[in-house]
Amino acid sequence: MDKLDLERSLAGEFPFVAGVDEVGRGPLAGPVVAAAVILPLDGDFTGVNDSKKLSKKKREQLSSYIKEHALAYSIFEVDERTIDKINIREATRLCMKGAVEGLSLTPSLVLTDGDLTLDIAYPQKSIVKGDALVCSIGAASILAKVYRDALMEKYAALYPEYAFERNAGYGTAAHIAAIREVGICPIHRRTFVTKFWDGRVRPSPPST
């Protein structure tokens, strides 16, 4: 995948292929985050893969490298309130659209991970397991994952009861136990916690 084989094979018709992926569809808290990346076809992106298959250290190293060497990249997030309002599938589509439209370079073709069709003005193709098969999609998955994990670590400092620095908002047993004990916090997705939430809301910490 790191040889950009697919992107190079498309270059005659589509010289600027953007890979798009998201992270955060499943968590109980925090935003969904998407990234879009256009990579140079003569670049060396050895090691790029589905972000879930990489260690935290490797993801962070690759994220910095991708940002430095990409022709263009964009990161976009959609918050928990929007997720609750329009559902996670539509929020994910909106997030990926935002990432694509935030690129500083106009893509010739957009390759998305999974099976979602986006409301965008560019040619597009969905590729199941694209984050493990297509270099630019894998790169996007890394940028989105590193960005969201760092964001959830910041939220962990505000809401320490939920250990967001360890679970990134996912529904671990300890996270669910914390919701049952103290209620939810402002970044929880209310439509995701109905089975174990009693209606209590932990207030935001005072601003300093």
Protein backbone atom coordinates (compact mmCIF):
# COMPACT_ATOMS: atom_id res chain seq x y z
CA MET A 1 0.00 0.00 0.00
CA ASP A 2 2.82 2.43 0.77
CA LYS A 3 3.82 2.42 -2.91
CA LEU A 4 0.71 4.40 -3.88
CA ASP A 5 -0.07 1.80 -6.53
CA LEU A 6 -3.76 2.66 -6.89
CA GLU A 7 -3.19 6.40 -6.89
CA ARG A 8 -0.49 6.06 -9.56
CA SER A 9 -2.69 3.83 -11.70
CA LEU A 10 -5.36 6.56 -11.69
CA ALA A 11 -3.01 9.47 -12.30
CA GLY A 12 -3.64 9.74 -16.03
CA GLU A 13 -7.28 10.59 -15.48
CA PHE A 14 -7.17 11.74 -11.86
CA PRO A 15 -3.86 13.44 -10.97
CA PHE A 16 -4.94 14.52 -7.48
CA VAL A 17 -6.55 11.62 -5.63
CA ALA A 18 -7.82 12.43 -2.14
CA GLY A 19 -8.15 9.67 0.43
CA VAL A 20 -10.77 10.22 3.14
CA ASP A 21 -11.44 8.36 6.37
CA GLU A 22 -13.09 8.95 9.72
CA VAL A 23 -12.64 7.88 13.30
CA GLY A 24 -15.10 8.01 16.16
CA ARG A 25 -18.34 6.52 14.89
CA GLY A 26 -18.69 4.19 17.86
CA PRO A 27 -17.72 6.13 21.01
CA LEU A 28 -20.21 7.29 23.62
CA ALA A 29 -18.54 10.70 23.86
CA GLY A 30 -16.70 13.24 21.75
CA PRO A 31 -16.90 14.18 18.10
CA VAL A 32 -16.55 12.15 14.96
CA VAL A 33 -13.41 13.27 13.11
CA ALA A 34 -12.52 12.91 9.43
CA ALA A 35 -9.39 13.65 7.47
CA ALA A 36 -8.75 14.05 3.75
CA VAL A 37 -5.26 13.73 2.26
CA ILE A 38 -3.74 14.18 -1.19
CA LEU A 39 -0.31 12.55 -1.37
CA PRO A 40 2.46 13.18 -3.91
CA LEU A 41 2.82 10.23 -6.26
CA ASP A 42 6.61 10.28 -5.96
CA GLY A 43 6.52 10.17 -2.16
CA ASP A 44 7.65 7.38 0.16
CA PHE A 45 4.93 6.56 2.65
CA THR A 46 6.30 3.25 3.89
CA GLY A 47 4.49 2.10 7.00
CA VAL A 48 1.19 3.83 6.31
CA ASN A 49 -1.67 1.48 7.17
CA ASP A 50 -5.05 1.34 8.82
CA SER A 51 -4.48 3.44 11.95
CA LYS A 52 -5.97 0.73 14.17
CA LYS A 53 -3.14 -1.61 13.19
CA LEU A 54 -0.41 0.81 14.32
CA SER A 55 0.96 1.65 17.75
CA LYS A 56 0.29 5.07 19.23
CA LYS A 57 3.94 6.05 18.79
CA LYS A 58 4.00 4.91 15.16
CA ARG A 59 0.74 6.72 14.38
CA GLU A 60 2.09 9.96 15.81
CA GLN A 61 5.34 9.64 13.86
CA LEU A 62 3.49 8.94 10.63
CA SER A 63 0.99 11.75 11.26
CA SER A 64 3.81 14.28 11.47
CA TYR A 65 5.45 12.83 8.36
CA ILE A 66 2.20 12.87 6.37
CA LYS A 67 1.48 16.48 7.31
CA GLU A 68 4.98 17.47 6.25
CA HIS A 69 4.94 15.66 2.91
CA ALA A 70 1.30 15.68 1.74
CA LEU A 71 0.30 17.95 -1.12
CA ALA A 72 -2.75 18.88 0.96
CA TYR A 73 -4.60 17.64 4.01
CA SER A 74 -7.65 18.69 5.99
CA ILE A 75 -9.16 17.59 9.31
CA PHE A 76 -12.80 18.20 10.23
CA GLU A 77 -14.93 17.31 13.25
CA VAL A 78 -18.64 17.09 13.94
CA ASP A 79 -19.66 17.44 17.58
CA GLU A 80 -21.85 15.30 19.80
CA ARG A 81 -24.83 17.65 19.55
CA THR A 82 -24.95 17.28 15.79
CA ILE A 83 -24.51 13.51 16.08
CA ASP A 84 -27.52 13.37 18.41
CA LYS A 85 -29.54 15.57 16.07
CA ILE A 86 -28.92 13.90 12.70
CA ASN A 87 -27.59 10.41 13.71
CA ILE A 88 -24.06 9.09 13.46
CA ARG A 89 -24.23 7.93 9.84
CA GLU A 90 -25.29 11.35 8.58
CA ALA A 91 -22.83 13.06 10.93
CA THR A 92 -20.05 10.90 9.48
CA ARG A 93 -21.04 11.83 5.93
CA LEU A 94 -21.11 15.50 6.91
CA CYS A 95 -17.71 15.19 8.57
CA MET A 96 -16.07 13.53 5.56
CA LYS A 97 -17.62 16.15 3.27
CA GLY A 98 -16.18 18.88 5.47
CA ALA A 99 -12.72 17.33 5.33
CA VAL A 100 -12.83 17.08 1.53
CA GLU A 101 -14.05 20.63 1.11
CA GLY A 102 -11.35 21.89 3.46
CA LEU A 103 -8.52 20.74 1.19
CA SER A 104 -6.36 23.55 -0.20
CA LEU A 105 -5.95 21.59 -3.45
CA THR A 106 -8.98 20.60 -5.53
CA PRO A 107 -9.20 16.78 -5.73
CA SER A 108 -9.68 15.07 -9.08
CA LEU A 109 -11.14 12.00 -7.37
CA VAL A 110 -12.18 11.24 -3.80
CA LEU A 111 -11.66 7.75 -2.38
CA THR A 112 -13.60 7.10 0.83
CA ASP A 113 -13.23 4.27 3.30
CA GLY A 114 -16.32 2.15 3.79
CA ASP A 115 -19.60 2.39 1.90
CA LEU A 116 -20.66 6.02 2.30
CA THR A 117 -21.55 8.29 -0.61
CA LEU A 118 -20.75 11.93 0.08
CA ASP A 119 -22.61 15.05 -1.01
CA ILE A 120 -19.61 16.53 -2.82
CA ALA A 121 -18.99 18.02 -6.26
CA TYR A 122 -16.13 15.67 -7.15
CA PRO A 123 -15.97 12.16 -8.60
CA GLN A 124 -15.89 9.64 -5.76
CA LYS A 125 -15.51 5.95 -5.06
CA SER A 126 -16.06 4.02 -1.83
CA ILE A 127 -13.62 1.23 -0.96
CA VAL A 128 -14.46 -1.23 1.80
CA LYS A 129 -11.42 -1.66 4.08
CA GLY A 130 -9.82 1.14 2.10
CA ASP A 131 -7.78 2.26 5.10
CA ALA A 132 -5.79 -0.97 4.82
CA LEU A 133 -5.74 -1.14 1.02
CA VAL A 134 -5.20 2.42 -0.25
CA CYS A 135 -2.28 4.55 0.90
CA SER A 136 -4.06 7.90 0.85
CA ILE A 137 -7.03 6.51 2.80
CA GLY A 138 -4.66 4.93 5.32
CA ALA A 139 -2.91 8.27 5.69
CA ALA A 140 -6.25 9.96 6.31
CA SER A 141 -7.13 7.38 8.96
CA ILE A 142 -3.87 8.13 10.77
CA LEU A 143 -4.40 11.90 10.75
CA ALA A 144 -7.96 11.54 12.02
CA LYS A 145 -7.04 9.05 14.75
CA VAL A 146 -4.09 11.07 16.09
CA TYR A 147 -6.14 14.28 16.07
CA ARG A 148 -9.11 12.72 17.87
CA ASP A 149 -7.02 10.89 20.46
CA ALA A 150 -5.23 14.14 21.35
CA LEU A 151 -8.58 15.90 21.63
CA MET A 152 -9.96 13.23 23.96
CA GLU A 153 -6.86 13.53 26.15
CA LYS A 154 -7.68 17.21 26.57
CA TYR A 155 -11.25 16.33 27.52
CA ALA A 156 -9.87 13.83 30.04
CA ALA A 157 -8.32 16.70 31.97
CA LEU A 158 -11.73 18.40 32.17
CA TYR A 159 -13.73 15.27 32.96
CA PRO A 160 -11.34 12.86 34.72
CA GLU A 161 -14.04 10.48 35.94
CA TYR A 162 -14.44 8.90 32.52
CA ALA A 163 -10.74 8.17 31.73
CA PHE A 164 -11.06 9.50 28.19
CA GLU A 165 -7.26 9.38 27.90
CA ARG A 166 -7.54 5.57 28.00
CA ASN A 167 -10.84 4.84 26.25
CA ALA A 168 -11.10 7.79 23.80
CA GLY A 169 -14.79 7.92 24.62
CA TYR A 170 -15.55 4.30 23.75
CA GLY A 171 -17.92 2.33 25.95
CA THR A 172 -15.55 0.40 28.16
CA ALA A 173 -16.88 -1.19 31.34
CA ALA A 174 -15.16 1.48 33.45
CA HIS A 175 -16.59 4.28 31.30
CA ILE A 176 -20.12 2.92 31.57
CA ALA A 177 -19.69 2.48 35.33
CA ALA A 178 -18.64 6.14 35.60
CA ILE A 179 -21.76 7.25 33.70
CA ARG A 180 -23.91 5.23 36.09
CA GLU A 181 -22.12 6.76 39.08
CA VAL A 182 -21.93 10.46 38.16
CA GLY A 183 -24.05 10.86 35.03
CA ILE A 184 -22.88 12.13 31.65
CA CYS A 185 -20.77 15.16 30.83
CA PRO A 186 -21.42 17.77 28.11
CA ILE A 187 -19.50 15.89 25.41
CA HIS A 188 -21.46 12.64 25.76
CA ARG A 189 -23.75 11.60 22.92
CA ARG A 190 -27.11 11.34 24.60
CA THR A 191 -28.55 9.04 21.96
CA PHE A 192 -25.71 6.58 22.65
CA VAL A 193 -26.12 6.24 26.44
CA THR A 194 -29.86 5.74 26.90
CA LYS A 195 -29.50 2.16 28.21
CA PHE A 196 -27.40 3.11 31.23
CA TRP A 197 -27.97 6.82 31.84
CA ASP A 198 -30.34 8.00 34.59
CA GLY A 199 -30.61 11.59 33.35
CA ARG A 200 -27.96 13.22 35.52
CA VAL A 201 -25.50 15.60 33.82
CA ARG A 202 -22.10 16.37 35.27
CA PRO A 203 -21.62 20.15 34.88
CA SER A 204 -18.79 21.64 32.87
CA PRO A 205 -15.84 22.77 34.96
CA PRO A 206 -15.71 26.54 35.55
CA SER A 207 -13.74 28.44 32.95
CA THR A 208 -10.49 29.98 34.14
